[in-house]
């Protein structure tokens, strides 16, 4: 698996980078390690040195690493680099070196996930991922499904992860009865407060059909 990992050299970013390296090693892939120099960030030479040190650490975890310093807005730079490099996954930490303005406009992780055209894995703790990849536990995944193309993409990505190591996948659909009445063409003959059993059976069947063939 080809992975792009963003780092700001914080301890949280280090944990995310370790997860990226373990996942790449498990799938015989590689990691593109990126630091984005935003306005007011560390000097380019300093960033290059720290990035080289971090890349060397990740290589000790069993994967190939390419390091690159970019400039600009972190989430935009990560999303653009992911497209240019053709990676399959972006890995970032949930927390890092947060400047005050980010408390108002959202985290880099959140904005990267919203902007990027490939899946973004946000790491809060490296421990569960390490145990999962070592076969010590199942990775529990909850997919919020809505019968859209992006939801189908989430299903396919979960299926990919389940082939890396054991996963427990739950697919959830939140039904709004008025929408279901309209979608099934039933007029106003049913209560707006809850779906009738027939609707629930149809929805459950639709969910199973979307998952068919993806998960063993």
N, C-alpha and C. Protein backbone atom coordinates (compact mmCIF):
# COMPACT_ATOMS: atom_id res chain seq x y z
N UNK A 1 0.84 -1.19 0.00
CA UNK A 1 0.00 0.00 0.00
C UNK A 1 0.88 1.25 0.00
N UNK A 2 0.58 2.16 -0.89
CA UNK A 2 1.33 3.40 -0.98
C UNK A 2 0.65 4.45 -0.10
N UNK A 3 1.41 4.97 0.88
CA UNK A 3 0.83 5.82 1.92
C UNK A 3 1.53 7.17 1.96
N UNK A 4 0.75 8.23 2.09
CA UNK A 4 1.28 9.57 2.35
C UNK A 4 1.03 9.89 3.81
N UNK A 5 2.09 10.24 4.53
CA UNK A 5 1.95 10.57 5.95
C UNK A 5 2.43 11.99 6.19
N UNK A 6 1.60 12.79 6.80
CA UNK A 6 1.96 14.16 7.14
C UNK A 6 2.46 14.23 8.57
N UNK A 7 3.52 14.98 8.79
CA UNK A 7 4.05 15.12 10.15
C UNK A 7 4.38 16.57 10.46
N UNK A 8 4.17 16.96 11.72
CA UNK A 8 4.61 18.27 12.20
C UNK A 8 5.65 18.09 13.31
N UNK A 9 6.18 16.85 13.42
CA UNK A 9 7.24 16.48 14.37
C UNK A 9 6.76 16.44 15.82
N UNK A 10 5.47 16.49 16.06
CA UNK A 10 4.95 16.34 17.41
C UNK A 10 4.95 14.86 17.78
N UNK A 11 4.76 14.57 19.07
CA UNK A 11 4.71 13.17 19.51
C UNK A 11 3.50 12.45 18.90
N UNK A 12 2.39 13.15 18.77
CA UNK A 12 1.19 12.55 18.17
C UNK A 12 1.45 12.21 16.70
N UNK A 13 2.12 13.12 15.99
CA UNK A 13 2.45 12.86 14.60
C UNK A 13 3.40 11.68 14.47
N UNK A 14 4.29 11.52 15.45
CA UNK A 14 5.20 10.38 15.45
C UNK A 14 4.44 9.07 15.55
N UNK A 15 3.39 9.03 16.37
CA UNK A 15 2.58 7.82 16.48
C UNK A 15 1.87 7.52 15.17
N UNK A 16 1.33 8.56 14.52
CA UNK A 16 0.66 8.37 13.24
C UNK A 16 1.64 7.85 12.19
N UNK A 17 2.87 8.39 12.20
CA UNK A 17 3.87 7.95 11.25
C UNK A 17 4.24 6.49 11.48
N UNK A 18 4.31 6.07 12.73
CA UNK A 18 4.59 4.67 13.02
C UNK A 18 3.50 3.76 12.46
N UNK A 19 2.24 4.17 12.62
CA UNK A 19 1.13 3.39 12.06
C UNK A 19 1.26 3.30 10.55
N UNK A 20 1.60 4.41 9.90
CA UNK A 20 1.78 4.41 8.45
C UNK A 20 2.87 3.43 8.04
N UNK A 21 3.98 3.43 8.79
CA UNK A 21 5.09 2.54 8.46
C UNK A 21 4.71 1.08 8.67
N UNK A 22 4.05 0.77 9.77
CA UNK A 22 3.63 -0.62 10.02
C UNK A 22 2.66 -1.10 8.94
N UNK A 23 1.71 -0.23 8.56
CA UNK A 23 0.73 -0.61 7.55
C UNK A 23 1.40 -0.81 6.20
N UNK A 24 2.33 0.08 5.85
CA UNK A 24 3.06 -0.07 4.59
C UNK A 24 3.89 -1.35 4.58
N UNK A 25 4.56 -1.64 5.69
CA UNK A 25 5.38 -2.85 5.77
C UNK A 25 4.51 -4.10 5.65
N UNK A 26 3.34 -4.08 6.27
CA UNK A 26 2.43 -5.23 6.24
C UNK A 26 1.93 -5.51 4.84
N UNK A 27 1.75 -4.45 4.05
CA UNK A 27 1.20 -4.58 2.69
C UNK A 27 2.28 -4.49 1.61
N UNK A 28 3.54 -4.53 2.04
CA UNK A 28 4.67 -4.45 1.10
C UNK A 28 4.62 -3.16 0.27
N UNK A 29 4.25 -2.08 0.92
CA UNK A 29 4.18 -0.78 0.26
C UNK A 29 5.28 0.15 0.72
N UNK A 30 5.06 1.44 0.61
CA UNK A 30 6.04 2.43 1.05
C UNK A 30 5.34 3.67 1.57
N UNK A 31 6.13 4.52 2.20
CA UNK A 31 5.59 5.74 2.82
C UNK A 31 6.25 6.96 2.21
N UNK A 32 5.44 7.93 1.86
CA UNK A 32 5.94 9.25 1.48
C UNK A 32 5.69 10.15 2.69
N UNK A 33 6.77 10.51 3.38
CA UNK A 33 6.68 11.31 4.60
C UNK A 33 6.81 12.78 4.24
N UNK A 34 5.82 13.56 4.63
CA UNK A 34 5.75 14.96 4.21
C UNK A 34 5.61 15.88 5.41
N UNK A 35 6.38 16.96 5.40
CA UNK A 35 6.17 18.05 6.35
C UNK A 35 5.84 19.30 5.54
N UNK A 36 4.79 20.00 5.95
CA UNK A 36 4.37 21.21 5.24
C UNK A 36 4.77 22.42 6.07
N UNK A 37 5.61 23.26 5.51
CA UNK A 37 6.00 24.51 6.17
C UNK A 37 4.92 25.55 5.91
N UNK A 38 4.14 25.84 6.92
CA UNK A 38 3.12 26.88 6.83
C UNK A 38 3.75 28.22 7.22
N UNK A 39 3.09 29.33 6.90
CA UNK A 39 3.61 30.63 7.32
C UNK A 39 3.87 30.67 8.82
N UNK A 40 5.08 31.08 9.20
CA UNK A 40 5.44 31.11 10.61
C UNK A 40 5.98 29.80 11.14
N UNK A 41 6.12 28.77 10.23
CA UNK A 41 6.62 27.48 10.66
C UNK A 41 8.14 27.46 10.77
N UNK A 42 8.69 26.27 11.02
CA UNK A 42 10.13 26.13 11.19
C UNK A 42 10.84 26.40 9.87
N UNK A 43 12.13 26.75 9.94
CA UNK A 43 12.91 27.03 8.75
C UNK A 43 13.05 25.77 7.91
N UNK A 44 13.19 25.96 6.61
CA UNK A 44 13.24 24.83 5.69
C UNK A 44 14.39 23.88 6.01
N UNK A 45 15.57 24.41 6.29
CA UNK A 45 16.74 23.57 6.58
C UNK A 45 16.51 22.75 7.85
N UNK A 46 15.95 23.40 8.85
CA UNK A 46 15.64 22.69 10.10
C UNK A 46 14.63 21.58 9.85
N UNK A 47 13.59 21.89 9.08
CA UNK A 47 12.55 20.91 8.77
C UNK A 47 13.13 19.73 8.01
N UNK A 48 14.02 20.00 7.07
CA UNK A 48 14.62 18.92 6.29
C UNK A 48 15.42 17.98 7.18
N UNK A 49 16.16 18.55 8.14
CA UNK A 49 16.94 17.73 9.04
C UNK A 49 16.06 16.86 9.92
N UNK A 50 15.01 17.44 10.47
CA UNK A 50 14.11 16.68 11.34
C UNK A 50 13.35 15.62 10.54
N UNK A 51 13.01 15.95 9.30
CA UNK A 51 12.29 15.00 8.46
C UNK A 51 13.19 13.81 8.11
N UNK A 52 14.45 14.09 7.85
CA UNK A 52 15.41 13.02 7.54
C UNK A 52 15.56 12.07 8.74
N UNK A 53 15.62 12.63 9.94
CA UNK A 53 15.73 11.82 11.15
C UNK A 53 14.49 10.94 11.33
N UNK A 54 13.31 11.52 11.12
CA UNK A 54 12.07 10.76 11.27
C UNK A 54 11.97 9.67 10.21
N UNK A 55 12.38 9.97 8.98
CA UNK A 55 12.35 8.96 7.91
C UNK A 55 13.24 7.77 8.26
N UNK A 56 14.42 8.05 8.83
CA UNK A 56 15.34 6.98 9.22
C UNK A 56 14.70 6.10 10.30
N UNK A 57 13.97 6.73 11.23
CA UNK A 57 13.29 5.95 12.28
C UNK A 57 12.24 5.02 11.68
N UNK A 58 11.47 5.53 10.74
CA UNK A 58 10.42 4.73 10.12
C UNK A 58 10.99 3.58 9.30
N UNK A 59 12.12 3.81 8.66
CA UNK A 59 12.73 2.72 7.89
C UNK A 59 13.14 1.57 8.78
N UNK A 60 13.45 1.87 10.04
CA UNK A 60 13.78 0.82 10.99
C UNK A 60 12.57 -0.06 11.32
N UNK A 61 11.38 0.42 10.99
CA UNK A 61 10.16 -0.35 11.22
C UNK A 61 9.83 -1.26 10.05
N UNK A 62 10.69 -1.24 9.02
CA UNK A 62 10.57 -2.23 7.94
C UNK A 62 9.93 -1.75 6.67
N UNK A 63 9.92 -0.45 6.42
CA UNK A 63 9.31 0.05 5.19
C UNK A 63 10.23 1.03 4.48
N UNK A 64 9.97 1.23 3.19
CA UNK A 64 10.71 2.24 2.42
C UNK A 64 10.06 3.59 2.63
N UNK A 65 10.91 4.62 2.79
CA UNK A 65 10.39 5.96 3.08
C UNK A 65 11.04 6.99 2.15
N UNK A 66 10.21 7.85 1.59
CA UNK A 66 10.67 9.02 0.85
C UNK A 66 10.21 10.26 1.62
N UNK A 67 11.11 11.21 1.82
CA UNK A 67 10.80 12.39 2.62
C UNK A 67 10.77 13.64 1.75
N UNK A 68 9.83 14.53 2.07
CA UNK A 68 9.68 15.74 1.26
C UNK A 68 9.12 16.87 2.10
N UNK A 69 9.72 18.07 1.95
CA UNK A 69 9.22 19.27 2.61
C UNK A 69 8.44 20.09 1.59
N UNK A 70 7.21 20.45 1.95
CA UNK A 70 6.35 21.27 1.09
C UNK A 70 6.07 22.60 1.78
N UNK A 71 5.53 23.52 1.04
CA UNK A 71 5.14 24.82 1.60
C UNK A 71 3.69 25.10 1.26
N UNK A 72 3.03 25.83 2.16
CA UNK A 72 1.65 26.23 1.90
C UNK A 72 0.74 25.88 3.06
N UNK A 73 -0.54 25.77 2.76
CA UNK A 73 -1.53 25.37 3.75
C UNK A 73 -1.46 23.86 3.90
N UNK A 74 -1.33 23.37 5.12
CA UNK A 74 -1.05 21.95 5.35
C UNK A 74 -2.07 21.03 4.70
N UNK A 75 -3.36 21.27 4.93
CA UNK A 75 -4.35 20.32 4.41
C UNK A 75 -4.42 20.35 2.89
N UNK A 76 -4.26 21.53 2.29
CA UNK A 76 -4.28 21.62 0.83
C UNK A 76 -3.04 20.96 0.23
N UNK A 77 -1.88 21.19 0.85
CA UNK A 77 -0.64 20.60 0.35
C UNK A 77 -0.69 19.07 0.44
N UNK A 78 -1.22 18.55 1.53
CA UNK A 78 -1.32 17.10 1.67
C UNK A 78 -2.27 16.51 0.63
N UNK A 79 -3.41 17.15 0.44
CA UNK A 79 -4.39 16.64 -0.54
C UNK A 79 -3.82 16.68 -1.96
N UNK A 80 -3.14 17.77 -2.30
CA UNK A 80 -2.56 17.89 -3.64
C UNK A 80 -1.43 16.88 -3.85
N UNK A 81 -0.59 16.70 -2.84
CA UNK A 81 0.51 15.75 -2.95
C UNK A 81 -0.02 14.32 -3.09
N UNK A 82 -1.09 14.00 -2.38
CA UNK A 82 -1.69 12.67 -2.48
C UNK A 82 -2.16 12.40 -3.90
N UNK A 83 -2.76 13.40 -4.53
CA UNK A 83 -3.22 13.24 -5.91
C UNK A 83 -2.04 13.07 -6.86
N UNK A 84 -1.03 13.90 -6.71
CA UNK A 84 0.14 13.84 -7.58
C UNK A 84 0.90 12.52 -7.43
N UNK A 85 0.99 12.01 -6.23
CA UNK A 85 1.78 10.80 -5.97
C UNK A 85 0.99 9.51 -6.20
N UNK A 86 -0.32 9.63 -6.34
CA UNK A 86 -1.14 8.44 -6.57
C UNK A 86 -1.18 7.50 -5.38
N UNK A 87 -1.19 8.05 -4.17
CA UNK A 87 -1.22 7.20 -2.98
C UNK A 87 -2.63 6.65 -2.76
N UNK A 88 -2.69 5.60 -1.94
CA UNK A 88 -3.97 4.97 -1.63
C UNK A 88 -4.54 5.42 -0.29
N UNK A 89 -3.70 6.06 0.52
CA UNK A 89 -4.13 6.44 1.86
C UNK A 89 -3.28 7.60 2.37
N UNK A 90 -3.93 8.52 3.09
CA UNK A 90 -3.23 9.57 3.82
C UNK A 90 -3.35 9.24 5.31
N UNK A 91 -2.25 9.35 6.03
CA UNK A 91 -2.26 9.12 7.47
C UNK A 91 -1.80 10.40 8.17
N UNK A 92 -2.59 10.87 9.12
CA UNK A 92 -2.25 12.05 9.92
C UNK A 92 -2.67 11.79 11.35
N UNK A 93 -2.15 12.60 12.27
CA UNK A 93 -2.53 12.47 13.67
C UNK A 93 -3.74 13.35 13.97
N UNK A 94 -4.45 12.99 15.03
CA UNK A 94 -5.62 13.79 15.39
C UNK A 94 -5.22 15.10 16.04
N UNK A 95 -4.03 15.11 16.68
CA UNK A 95 -3.53 16.32 17.34
C UNK A 95 -2.09 16.54 16.91
N UNK A 96 -1.63 17.74 17.09
CA UNK A 96 -0.25 18.05 16.76
C UNK A 96 0.11 19.40 17.34
N UNK A 97 0.95 20.11 16.62
CA UNK A 97 1.34 21.46 17.06
C UNK A 97 0.26 22.43 16.63
N UNK A 98 -0.76 22.60 17.47
CA UNK A 98 -1.93 23.38 17.09
C UNK A 98 -1.72 24.86 17.39
N UNK A 99 -1.86 25.68 16.37
CA UNK A 99 -1.80 27.13 16.57
C UNK A 99 -3.18 27.63 16.95
N UNK A 100 -3.30 28.77 17.64
CA UNK A 100 -4.60 29.24 18.10
C UNK A 100 -5.65 29.37 17.00
N UNK A 101 -5.24 29.77 15.80
CA UNK A 101 -6.24 29.98 14.75
C UNK A 101 -6.92 28.67 14.36
N UNK A 102 -6.22 27.54 14.52
CA UNK A 102 -6.82 26.27 14.12
C UNK A 102 -7.98 25.86 15.01
N UNK A 103 -8.03 26.39 16.23
CA UNK A 103 -9.16 26.09 17.08
C UNK A 103 -10.44 26.66 16.48
N UNK A 104 -10.31 27.68 15.65
CA UNK A 104 -11.48 28.32 15.05
C UNK A 104 -11.84 27.72 13.70
N UNK A 105 -10.86 27.26 12.93
CA UNK A 105 -11.14 26.81 11.56
C UNK A 105 -11.06 25.30 11.42
N UNK A 106 -10.77 24.56 12.47
CA UNK A 106 -10.71 23.12 12.39
C UNK A 106 -9.29 22.62 12.28
N UNK A 107 -9.09 21.36 12.61
CA UNK A 107 -7.76 20.78 12.62
C UNK A 107 -7.30 20.44 11.20
N UNK A 108 -5.99 20.24 11.06
CA UNK A 108 -5.44 19.80 9.77
C UNK A 108 -6.04 18.45 9.39
N UNK A 109 -6.17 17.55 10.37
CA UNK A 109 -6.73 16.22 10.09
C UNK A 109 -8.14 16.32 9.52
N UNK A 110 -8.97 17.14 10.16
CA UNK A 110 -10.36 17.29 9.72
C UNK A 110 -10.43 17.87 8.32
N UNK A 111 -9.65 18.91 8.07
CA UNK A 111 -9.70 19.57 6.76
C UNK A 111 -9.06 18.71 5.68
N UNK A 112 -8.06 17.92 6.02
CA UNK A 112 -7.47 17.00 5.05
C UNK A 112 -8.49 15.95 4.63
N UNK A 113 -9.18 15.38 5.61
CA UNK A 113 -10.19 14.36 5.31
C UNK A 113 -11.30 14.92 4.42
N UNK A 114 -11.65 16.19 4.62
CA UNK A 114 -12.71 16.81 3.82
C UNK A 114 -12.24 17.14 2.41
N UNK A 115 -10.94 17.41 2.24
CA UNK A 115 -10.41 17.90 0.97
C UNK A 115 -9.88 16.79 0.08
N UNK A 116 -9.23 15.81 0.66
CA UNK A 116 -8.52 14.79 -0.12
C UNK A 116 -9.48 13.90 -0.89
N UNK A 117 -8.99 13.37 -2.00
CA UNK A 117 -9.79 12.46 -2.83
C UNK A 117 -9.48 11.00 -2.54
N UNK A 118 -8.61 10.74 -1.55
CA UNK A 118 -8.33 9.37 -1.12
C UNK A 118 -8.66 9.27 0.36
N UNK A 119 -8.83 8.06 0.89
CA UNK A 119 -9.15 7.93 2.32
C UNK A 119 -8.10 8.55 3.21
N UNK A 120 -8.54 9.12 4.32
CA UNK A 120 -7.64 9.70 5.32
C UNK A 120 -7.83 8.97 6.64
N UNK A 121 -6.74 8.40 7.14
CA UNK A 121 -6.76 7.72 8.44
C UNK A 121 -6.24 8.69 9.49
N UNK A 122 -7.07 9.00 10.48
CA UNK A 122 -6.69 9.91 11.56
C UNK A 122 -6.35 9.06 12.79
N UNK A 123 -5.10 9.12 13.22
CA UNK A 123 -4.61 8.27 14.31
C UNK A 123 -4.62 9.03 15.63
N UNK A 124 -5.29 8.48 16.64
CA UNK A 124 -5.29 9.06 17.98
C UNK A 124 -4.37 8.29 18.93
N UNK A 125 -4.17 7.01 18.63
CA UNK A 125 -3.35 6.17 19.51
C UNK A 125 -2.77 5.06 18.64
N UNK A 126 -1.46 4.89 18.65
CA UNK A 126 -0.83 3.88 17.81
C UNK A 126 -1.05 2.46 18.32
N UNK A 127 -1.31 2.31 19.63
CA UNK A 127 -1.38 0.99 20.24
C UNK A 127 -2.36 0.03 19.59
N UNK A 128 -3.64 0.41 19.44
CA UNK A 128 -4.62 -0.51 18.85
C UNK A 128 -4.25 -0.93 17.42
N UNK A 129 -3.69 -0.01 16.65
CA UNK A 129 -3.30 -0.35 15.28
C UNK A 129 -2.15 -1.36 15.27
N UNK A 130 -1.19 -1.18 16.19
CA UNK A 130 -0.07 -2.11 16.26
C UNK A 130 -0.56 -3.51 16.62
N UNK A 131 -1.43 -3.60 17.62
CA UNK A 131 -1.95 -4.91 18.03
C UNK A 131 -2.75 -5.55 16.91
N UNK A 132 -3.51 -4.72 16.17
CA UNK A 132 -4.28 -5.24 15.03
C UNK A 132 -3.36 -5.82 13.96
N UNK A 133 -2.35 -5.08 13.57
CA UNK A 133 -1.45 -5.53 12.51
C UNK A 133 -0.60 -6.72 12.94
N UNK A 134 -0.38 -6.87 14.24
CA UNK A 134 0.36 -8.02 14.75
C UNK A 134 -0.54 -9.23 14.98
N UNK A 135 -1.83 -9.07 14.73
CA UNK A 135 -2.77 -10.18 14.89
C UNK A 135 -3.29 -10.35 16.30
N UNK A 136 -3.06 -9.38 17.15
CA UNK A 136 -3.49 -9.48 18.54
C UNK A 136 -4.92 -9.06 18.80
N UNK A 137 -5.56 -8.42 17.85
CA UNK A 137 -6.94 -7.98 18.03
C UNK A 137 -7.56 -7.70 16.68
N UNK A 138 -8.88 -7.67 16.64
CA UNK A 138 -9.60 -7.26 15.44
C UNK A 138 -9.73 -5.74 15.43
N UNK A 139 -9.66 -5.16 14.26
CA UNK A 139 -9.92 -3.73 14.12
C UNK A 139 -11.42 -3.54 13.94
N UNK A 140 -12.04 -2.81 14.85
CA UNK A 140 -13.49 -2.61 14.79
C UNK A 140 -13.79 -1.36 13.97
N UNK A 141 -14.55 -1.53 12.91
CA UNK A 141 -14.89 -0.44 12.00
C UNK A 141 -16.40 -0.22 12.00
N UNK A 142 -16.80 1.04 12.11
CA UNK A 142 -18.20 1.42 11.98
C UNK A 142 -18.34 2.30 10.75
N UNK A 143 -19.16 1.86 9.80
CA UNK A 143 -19.36 2.61 8.57
C UNK A 143 -20.75 3.22 8.60
N UNK A 144 -20.81 4.56 8.56
CA UNK A 144 -22.09 5.25 8.44
C UNK A 144 -22.50 5.26 6.97
N UNK A 145 -23.52 4.50 6.64
CA UNK A 145 -23.87 4.26 5.23
C UNK A 145 -25.13 5.03 4.84
N UNK A 146 -25.16 5.54 3.59
CA UNK A 146 -26.35 6.28 3.14
C UNK A 146 -26.70 5.99 1.68
N UNK A 147 -26.21 4.86 1.13
CA UNK A 147 -26.52 4.43 -0.24
C UNK A 147 -25.97 5.39 -1.30
N UNK A 148 -24.95 6.15 -0.97
CA UNK A 148 -24.33 7.06 -1.93
C UNK A 148 -23.04 6.45 -2.48
N UNK A 149 -22.48 7.09 -3.51
CA UNK A 149 -21.24 6.61 -4.11
C UNK A 149 -20.09 6.69 -3.10
N UNK A 150 -20.06 7.74 -2.29
CA UNK A 150 -18.99 7.86 -1.30
C UNK A 150 -19.14 6.80 -0.21
N UNK A 151 -20.37 6.45 0.13
CA UNK A 151 -20.58 5.39 1.11
C UNK A 151 -20.12 4.04 0.55
N UNK A 152 -20.37 3.81 -0.74
CA UNK A 152 -19.88 2.58 -1.38
C UNK A 152 -18.35 2.55 -1.36
N UNK A 153 -17.72 3.72 -1.54
CA UNK A 153 -16.26 3.79 -1.48
C UNK A 153 -15.76 3.42 -0.08
N UNK A 154 -16.50 3.86 0.95
CA UNK A 154 -16.13 3.51 2.32
C UNK A 154 -16.23 2.01 2.54
N UNK A 155 -17.24 1.38 1.97
CA UNK A 155 -17.37 -0.07 2.07
C UNK A 155 -16.19 -0.78 1.43
N UNK A 156 -15.81 -0.31 0.24
CA UNK A 156 -14.69 -0.95 -0.46
C UNK A 156 -13.39 -0.78 0.32
N UNK A 157 -13.21 0.40 0.94
CA UNK A 157 -12.00 0.63 1.71
C UNK A 157 -11.97 -0.26 2.94
N UNK A 158 -13.10 -0.41 3.61
CA UNK A 158 -13.17 -1.31 4.76
C UNK A 158 -12.85 -2.74 4.35
N UNK A 159 -13.32 -3.14 3.17
CA UNK A 159 -13.01 -4.48 2.68
C UNK A 159 -11.52 -4.65 2.44
N UNK A 160 -10.86 -3.58 1.94
CA UNK A 160 -9.42 -3.63 1.74
C UNK A 160 -8.70 -3.82 3.08
N UNK A 161 -9.12 -3.09 4.10
CA UNK A 161 -8.49 -3.22 5.42
C UNK A 161 -8.71 -4.61 5.99
N UNK A 162 -9.87 -5.21 5.74
CA UNK A 162 -10.14 -6.54 6.28
C UNK A 162 -9.27 -7.60 5.64
N UNK A 163 -8.70 -7.30 4.47
CA UNK A 163 -7.78 -8.24 3.84
C UNK A 163 -6.35 -8.06 4.36
N UNK A 164 -6.08 -6.92 5.00
CA UNK A 164 -4.76 -6.69 5.60
C UNK A 164 -4.63 -7.49 6.90
N UNK A 165 -5.65 -7.42 7.74
CA UNK A 165 -5.70 -8.16 9.00
C UNK A 165 -7.17 -8.22 9.42
N UNK A 166 -7.45 -9.03 10.42
CA UNK A 166 -8.83 -9.30 10.81
C UNK A 166 -9.55 -8.03 11.25
N UNK A 167 -10.76 -7.85 10.76
CA UNK A 167 -11.59 -6.68 11.10
C UNK A 167 -12.99 -7.14 11.50
N UNK A 168 -13.62 -6.36 12.33
CA UNK A 168 -15.03 -6.53 12.65
C UNK A 168 -15.75 -5.30 12.12
N UNK A 169 -16.55 -5.48 11.08
CA UNK A 169 -17.15 -4.36 10.37
C UNK A 169 -18.64 -4.28 10.69
N UNK A 170 -19.08 -3.11 11.13
CA UNK A 170 -20.50 -2.83 11.34
C UNK A 170 -20.92 -1.75 10.37
N UNK A 171 -21.98 -2.02 9.60
CA UNK A 171 -22.50 -1.04 8.64
C UNK A 171 -23.83 -0.53 9.18
N UNK A 172 -23.92 0.78 9.42
CA UNK A 172 -25.10 1.37 10.03
C UNK A 172 -25.74 2.38 9.08
N UNK A 173 -27.05 2.31 8.98
CA UNK A 173 -27.82 3.27 8.19
C UNK A 173 -28.85 3.92 9.10
N UNK A 174 -28.82 5.24 9.18
CA UNK A 174 -29.78 5.97 10.00
C UNK A 174 -30.96 6.36 9.12
N UNK A 175 -32.10 5.77 9.40
CA UNK A 175 -33.28 5.97 8.55
C UNK A 175 -34.15 7.10 9.08
N UNK A 176 -34.60 7.96 8.16
CA UNK A 176 -35.56 9.02 8.49
C UNK A 176 -36.88 8.64 7.84
N UNK A 177 -37.87 8.18 8.62
CA UNK A 177 -39.10 7.62 8.05
C UNK A 177 -39.76 8.45 6.96
N UNK A 178 -39.90 9.79 7.09
CA UNK A 178 -40.53 10.53 5.99
C UNK A 178 -39.81 10.35 4.66
N UNK A 179 -38.46 10.29 4.69
CA UNK A 179 -37.72 10.07 3.44
C UNK A 179 -37.98 8.68 2.88
N UNK A 180 -38.08 7.67 3.75
CA UNK A 180 -38.30 6.31 3.28
C UNK A 180 -39.70 6.17 2.68
N UNK A 181 -40.68 6.82 3.30
CA UNK A 181 -42.04 6.80 2.75
C UNK A 181 -42.05 7.37 1.34
N UNK A 182 -41.34 8.49 1.16
CA UNK A 182 -41.26 9.10 -0.17
C UNK A 182 -40.49 8.21 -1.13
N UNK A 183 -39.37 7.62 -0.66
CA UNK A 183 -38.52 6.81 -1.53
C UNK A 183 -39.23 5.56 -2.01
N UNK A 184 -40.06 4.96 -1.14
CA UNK A 184 -40.76 3.74 -1.51
C UNK A 184 -42.13 4.02 -2.14
N UNK A 185 -42.49 5.31 -2.27
CA UNK A 185 -43.73 5.66 -2.94
C UNK A 185 -44.98 5.23 -2.19
N UNK A 186 -44.94 5.33 -0.86
CA UNK A 186 -46.06 4.84 -0.05
C UNK A 186 -46.99 5.96 0.39
N UNK A 187 -46.79 7.16 -0.11
CA UNK A 187 -47.68 8.25 0.23
C UNK A 187 -47.64 8.58 1.70
N UNK A 188 -48.79 8.86 2.29
CA UNK A 188 -48.86 9.22 3.71
C UNK A 188 -49.59 8.16 4.52
N UNK A 189 -49.57 6.93 4.04
CA UNK A 189 -50.35 5.89 4.70
C UNK A 189 -49.66 5.30 5.93
N UNK A 190 -48.38 5.69 6.17
CA UNK A 190 -47.67 5.15 7.32
C UNK A 190 -47.32 6.27 8.30
N UNK A 191 -47.09 5.88 9.52
CA UNK A 191 -46.69 6.83 10.56
C UNK A 191 -45.36 7.47 10.23
N UNK A 192 -45.23 8.75 10.55
CA UNK A 192 -43.97 9.45 10.32
C UNK A 192 -42.97 9.19 11.44
N UNK A 193 -43.41 8.54 12.53
CA UNK A 193 -42.53 8.37 13.67
C UNK A 193 -41.60 7.18 13.59
N UNK A 194 -41.93 6.17 12.81
CA UNK A 194 -41.10 4.97 12.73
C UNK A 194 -41.38 4.24 11.43
N UNK A 195 -40.40 3.50 10.94
CA UNK A 195 -40.60 2.71 9.74
C UNK A 195 -41.40 1.46 10.07
N UNK A 196 -42.33 1.08 9.22
CA UNK A 196 -43.04 -0.18 9.43
C UNK A 196 -42.09 -1.36 9.20
N UNK A 197 -42.42 -2.54 9.73
CA UNK A 197 -41.54 -3.71 9.58
C UNK A 197 -41.15 -4.00 8.13
N UNK A 198 -42.08 -3.81 7.20
CA UNK A 198 -41.77 -4.10 5.80
C UNK A 198 -40.65 -3.21 5.29
N UNK A 199 -40.66 -1.94 5.69
CA UNK A 199 -39.59 -1.02 5.28
C UNK A 199 -38.25 -1.46 5.87
N UNK A 200 -38.29 -1.83 7.16
CA UNK A 200 -37.05 -2.25 7.81
C UNK A 200 -36.46 -3.47 7.12
N UNK A 201 -37.31 -4.39 6.72
CA UNK A 201 -36.83 -5.59 6.02
C UNK A 201 -36.21 -5.23 4.68
N UNK A 202 -36.83 -4.30 3.97
CA UNK A 202 -36.30 -3.88 2.67
C UNK A 202 -34.94 -3.20 2.84
N UNK A 203 -34.86 -2.30 3.83
CA UNK A 203 -33.60 -1.58 4.07
C UNK A 203 -32.49 -2.54 4.48
N UNK A 204 -32.81 -3.51 5.35
CA UNK A 204 -31.80 -4.49 5.77
C UNK A 204 -31.34 -5.31 4.57
N UNK A 205 -32.27 -5.67 3.70
CA UNK A 205 -31.90 -6.41 2.50
C UNK A 205 -31.02 -5.60 1.57
N UNK A 206 -31.34 -4.30 1.44
CA UNK A 206 -30.52 -3.42 0.59
C UNK A 206 -29.10 -3.30 1.13
N UNK A 207 -28.97 -3.17 2.46
CA UNK A 207 -27.64 -3.08 3.06
C UNK A 207 -26.84 -4.35 2.82
N UNK A 208 -27.48 -5.50 3.01
CA UNK A 208 -26.79 -6.78 2.79
C UNK A 208 -26.35 -6.91 1.33
N UNK A 209 -27.18 -6.45 0.42
CA UNK A 209 -26.85 -6.53 -1.00
C UNK A 209 -25.64 -5.67 -1.33
N UNK A 210 -25.57 -4.47 -0.75
CA UNK A 210 -24.42 -3.58 -1.00
C UNK A 210 -23.13 -4.20 -0.46
N UNK A 211 -23.23 -4.98 0.61
CA UNK A 211 -22.04 -5.58 1.22
C UNK A 211 -21.67 -6.92 0.60
N UNK A 212 -22.57 -7.49 -0.18
CA UNK A 212 -22.35 -8.81 -0.72
C UNK A 212 -21.08 -8.86 -1.57
N UNK A 213 -20.25 -9.84 -1.34
CA UNK A 213 -19.04 -10.02 -2.14
C UNK A 213 -17.85 -9.21 -1.66
N UNK A 214 -18.07 -8.23 -0.78
CA UNK A 214 -16.98 -7.41 -0.28
C UNK A 214 -16.31 -8.01 0.94
N UNK A 215 -17.11 -8.62 1.79
CA UNK A 215 -16.60 -9.16 3.05
C UNK A 215 -16.83 -10.66 3.09
N UNK A 216 -15.86 -11.38 3.56
CA UNK A 216 -15.97 -12.84 3.69
C UNK A 216 -16.70 -13.21 4.99
